Amino acid sequence: MNPHTSSFCTTGQPCPISGIWQSMGYFKTTVPLSKGMKMPSYCGTKVRWVLVFAG
């Protein structure tokens, strides 16, 4: 993954790139997802996710 390019996705959207995704906001968590999986919510809340490791 190019370190100058970030990928973002929101809860409910299909995962565009397989890898480790981190929630954005005050409380953070990471989740491994495969391309095409539905982006999850966090603690029952819709969140924005950023890709931290592609693979």
N, C-alpha and C. Protein backbone atom coordinates (compact mmCIF):
# COMPACT_ATOMS: atom_id res chain seq x y z
N MET A 1 0.84 -1.19 0.00
CA MET A 1 0.00 0.00 0.00
C MET A 1 0.88 1.24 0.00
N ASN A 2 0.52 2.21 -0.77
CA ASN A 2 1.24 3.48 -0.83
C ASN A 2 1.02 4.23 0.47
N PRO A 3 2.09 4.60 1.20
CA PRO A 3 1.91 5.27 2.49
C PRO A 3 1.26 6.66 2.38
N HIS A 4 1.18 7.22 1.18
CA HIS A 4 0.59 8.54 1.00
C HIS A 4 -0.88 8.46 0.57
N THR A 5 -1.42 7.25 0.45
CA THR A 5 -2.79 7.07 0.03
C THR A 5 -3.55 6.37 1.14
N SER A 6 -4.67 6.92 1.55
CA SER A 6 -5.49 6.32 2.60
C SER A 6 -6.80 5.85 2.00
N SER A 7 -7.30 4.75 2.54
CA SER A 7 -8.61 4.24 2.14
C SER A 7 -9.55 4.37 3.32
N PHE A 8 -10.73 4.87 3.05
CA PHE A 8 -11.75 5.06 4.08
C PHE A 8 -13.03 4.35 3.67
N CYS A 9 -13.81 3.94 4.64
CA CYS A 9 -15.08 3.28 4.39
C CYS A 9 -15.97 3.52 5.60
N THR A 10 -17.28 3.39 5.41
CA THR A 10 -18.26 3.63 6.48
C THR A 10 -19.04 2.35 6.77
N THR A 11 -19.49 2.19 7.99
CA THR A 11 -20.31 1.05 8.40
C THR A 11 -21.39 0.77 7.35
N GLY A 12 -21.50 -0.51 7.01
CA GLY A 12 -22.54 -0.95 6.07
C GLY A 12 -22.07 -1.04 4.62
N GLN A 13 -20.98 -0.35 4.29
CA GLN A 13 -20.47 -0.42 2.92
C GLN A 13 -19.64 -1.69 2.75
N PRO A 14 -19.49 -2.18 1.50
CA PRO A 14 -18.61 -3.33 1.29
C PRO A 14 -17.14 -2.92 1.45
N CYS A 15 -16.36 -3.77 2.08
CA CYS A 15 -14.93 -3.51 2.27
C CYS A 15 -14.24 -3.47 0.91
N PRO A 16 -13.56 -2.36 0.57
CA PRO A 16 -12.95 -2.24 -0.75
C PRO A 16 -11.59 -2.93 -0.87
N ILE A 17 -10.88 -3.13 0.26
CA ILE A 17 -9.54 -3.71 0.25
C ILE A 17 -9.38 -4.61 1.48
N SER A 18 -8.91 -5.82 1.28
CA SER A 18 -8.65 -6.72 2.42
C SER A 18 -7.52 -6.15 3.27
N GLY A 19 -7.67 -6.28 4.60
CA GLY A 19 -6.62 -5.82 5.49
C GLY A 19 -7.14 -5.53 6.88
N ILE A 20 -6.35 -4.78 7.63
CA ILE A 20 -6.70 -4.38 8.99
C ILE A 20 -7.25 -2.96 8.93
N TRP A 21 -8.45 -2.78 9.46
CA TRP A 21 -9.13 -1.49 9.45
C TRP A 21 -9.26 -0.98 10.88
N GLN A 22 -9.11 0.34 11.06
CA GLN A 22 -9.23 0.96 12.38
C GLN A 22 -10.37 1.96 12.36
N SER A 23 -11.17 1.92 13.43
CA SER A 23 -12.26 2.89 13.54
C SER A 23 -11.68 4.27 13.83
N MET A 24 -12.37 5.29 13.36
CA MET A 24 -11.94 6.66 13.60
C MET A 24 -12.79 7.24 14.73
N GLY A 25 -12.19 8.11 15.51
CA GLY A 25 -12.91 8.71 16.63
C GLY A 25 -12.11 8.60 17.91
N TYR A 26 -12.74 8.98 19.01
CA TYR A 26 -12.07 8.99 20.30
C TYR A 26 -11.69 7.59 20.76
N PHE A 27 -12.63 6.64 20.68
CA PHE A 27 -12.36 5.25 21.04
C PHE A 27 -12.08 4.49 19.76
N LYS A 28 -10.96 3.77 19.73
CA LYS A 28 -10.55 3.08 18.51
C LYS A 28 -10.51 1.56 18.72
N THR A 29 -10.74 0.85 17.63
CA THR A 29 -10.56 -0.59 17.60
C THR A 29 -10.10 -0.96 16.20
N THR A 30 -9.53 -2.13 16.07
CA THR A 30 -9.14 -2.62 14.74
C THR A 30 -9.88 -3.92 14.46
N VAL A 31 -10.04 -4.20 13.16
CA VAL A 31 -10.74 -5.41 12.75
C VAL A 31 -10.15 -5.88 11.41
N PRO A 32 -9.87 -7.19 11.28
CA PRO A 32 -9.42 -7.70 10.00
C PRO A 32 -10.63 -7.99 9.11
N LEU A 33 -10.60 -7.51 7.89
CA LEU A 33 -11.72 -7.72 6.96
C LEU A 33 -11.20 -8.12 5.59
N SER A 34 -11.98 -8.94 4.91
CA SER A 34 -11.68 -9.33 3.54
C SER A 34 -12.50 -8.48 2.58
N LYS A 35 -11.96 -8.27 1.40
CA LYS A 35 -12.65 -7.49 0.38
C LYS A 35 -14.05 -8.05 0.16
N GLY A 36 -15.04 -7.15 0.13
CA GLY A 36 -16.43 -7.54 -0.09
C GLY A 36 -17.24 -7.73 1.18
N MET A 37 -16.57 -7.91 2.33
CA MET A 37 -17.31 -8.05 3.59
C MET A 37 -17.96 -6.72 3.94
N LYS A 38 -19.04 -6.78 4.68
CA LYS A 38 -19.73 -5.57 5.12
C LYS A 38 -18.95 -4.92 6.26
N MET A 39 -18.70 -3.61 6.13
CA MET A 39 -17.99 -2.88 7.19
C MET A 39 -18.87 -2.85 8.44
N PRO A 40 -18.30 -3.22 9.59
CA PRO A 40 -19.10 -3.33 10.81
C PRO A 40 -19.35 -1.99 11.51
N SER A 41 -20.28 -2.04 12.45
CA SER A 41 -20.46 -0.91 13.36
C SER A 41 -19.52 -1.13 14.53
N TYR A 42 -19.40 -0.15 15.40
CA TYR A 42 -18.56 -0.28 16.60
C TYR A 42 -19.40 0.13 17.80
N CYS A 43 -19.57 -0.80 18.73
CA CYS A 43 -20.42 -0.57 19.91
C CYS A 43 -21.82 -0.13 19.49
N GLY A 44 -22.32 -0.72 18.39
CA GLY A 44 -23.67 -0.42 17.93
C GLY A 44 -23.81 0.91 17.22
N THR A 45 -22.69 1.56 16.92
CA THR A 45 -22.71 2.89 16.30
C THR A 45 -22.07 2.84 14.92
N LYS A 46 -22.66 3.56 13.97
CA LYS A 46 -22.09 3.69 12.64
C LYS A 46 -20.81 4.52 12.75
N VAL A 47 -19.71 3.99 12.18
CA VAL A 47 -18.42 4.68 12.26
C VAL A 47 -17.75 4.72 10.89
N ARG A 48 -16.72 5.52 10.80
CA ARG A 48 -15.88 5.59 9.61
C ARG A 48 -14.63 4.77 9.91
N TRP A 49 -14.17 4.02 8.93
CA TRP A 49 -13.00 3.16 9.08
C TRP A 49 -11.89 3.62 8.17
N VAL A 50 -10.63 3.44 8.61
CA VAL A 50 -9.46 3.76 7.80
C VAL A 50 -8.60 2.49 7.72
N LEU A 51 -8.09 2.21 6.53
CA LEU A 51 -7.23 1.05 6.33
C LEU A 51 -5.85 1.34 6.92
N VAL A 52 -5.37 0.48 7.83
CA VAL A 52 -4.06 0.68 8.44
C VAL A 52 -3.03 -0.31 7.93
N PHE A 53 -3.50 -1.45 7.38
CA PHE A 53 -2.57 -2.43 6.81
C PHE A 53 -3.29 -3.23 5.73
N ALA A 54 -2.83 -3.14 4.51
CA ALA A 54 -3.44 -3.88 3.41
C ALA A 54 -2.82 -5.28 3.35
N GLY A 55 -3.67 -6.25 3.06
CA GLY A 55 -3.14 -7.59 2.92
C GLY A 55 -4.10 -8.56 3.28
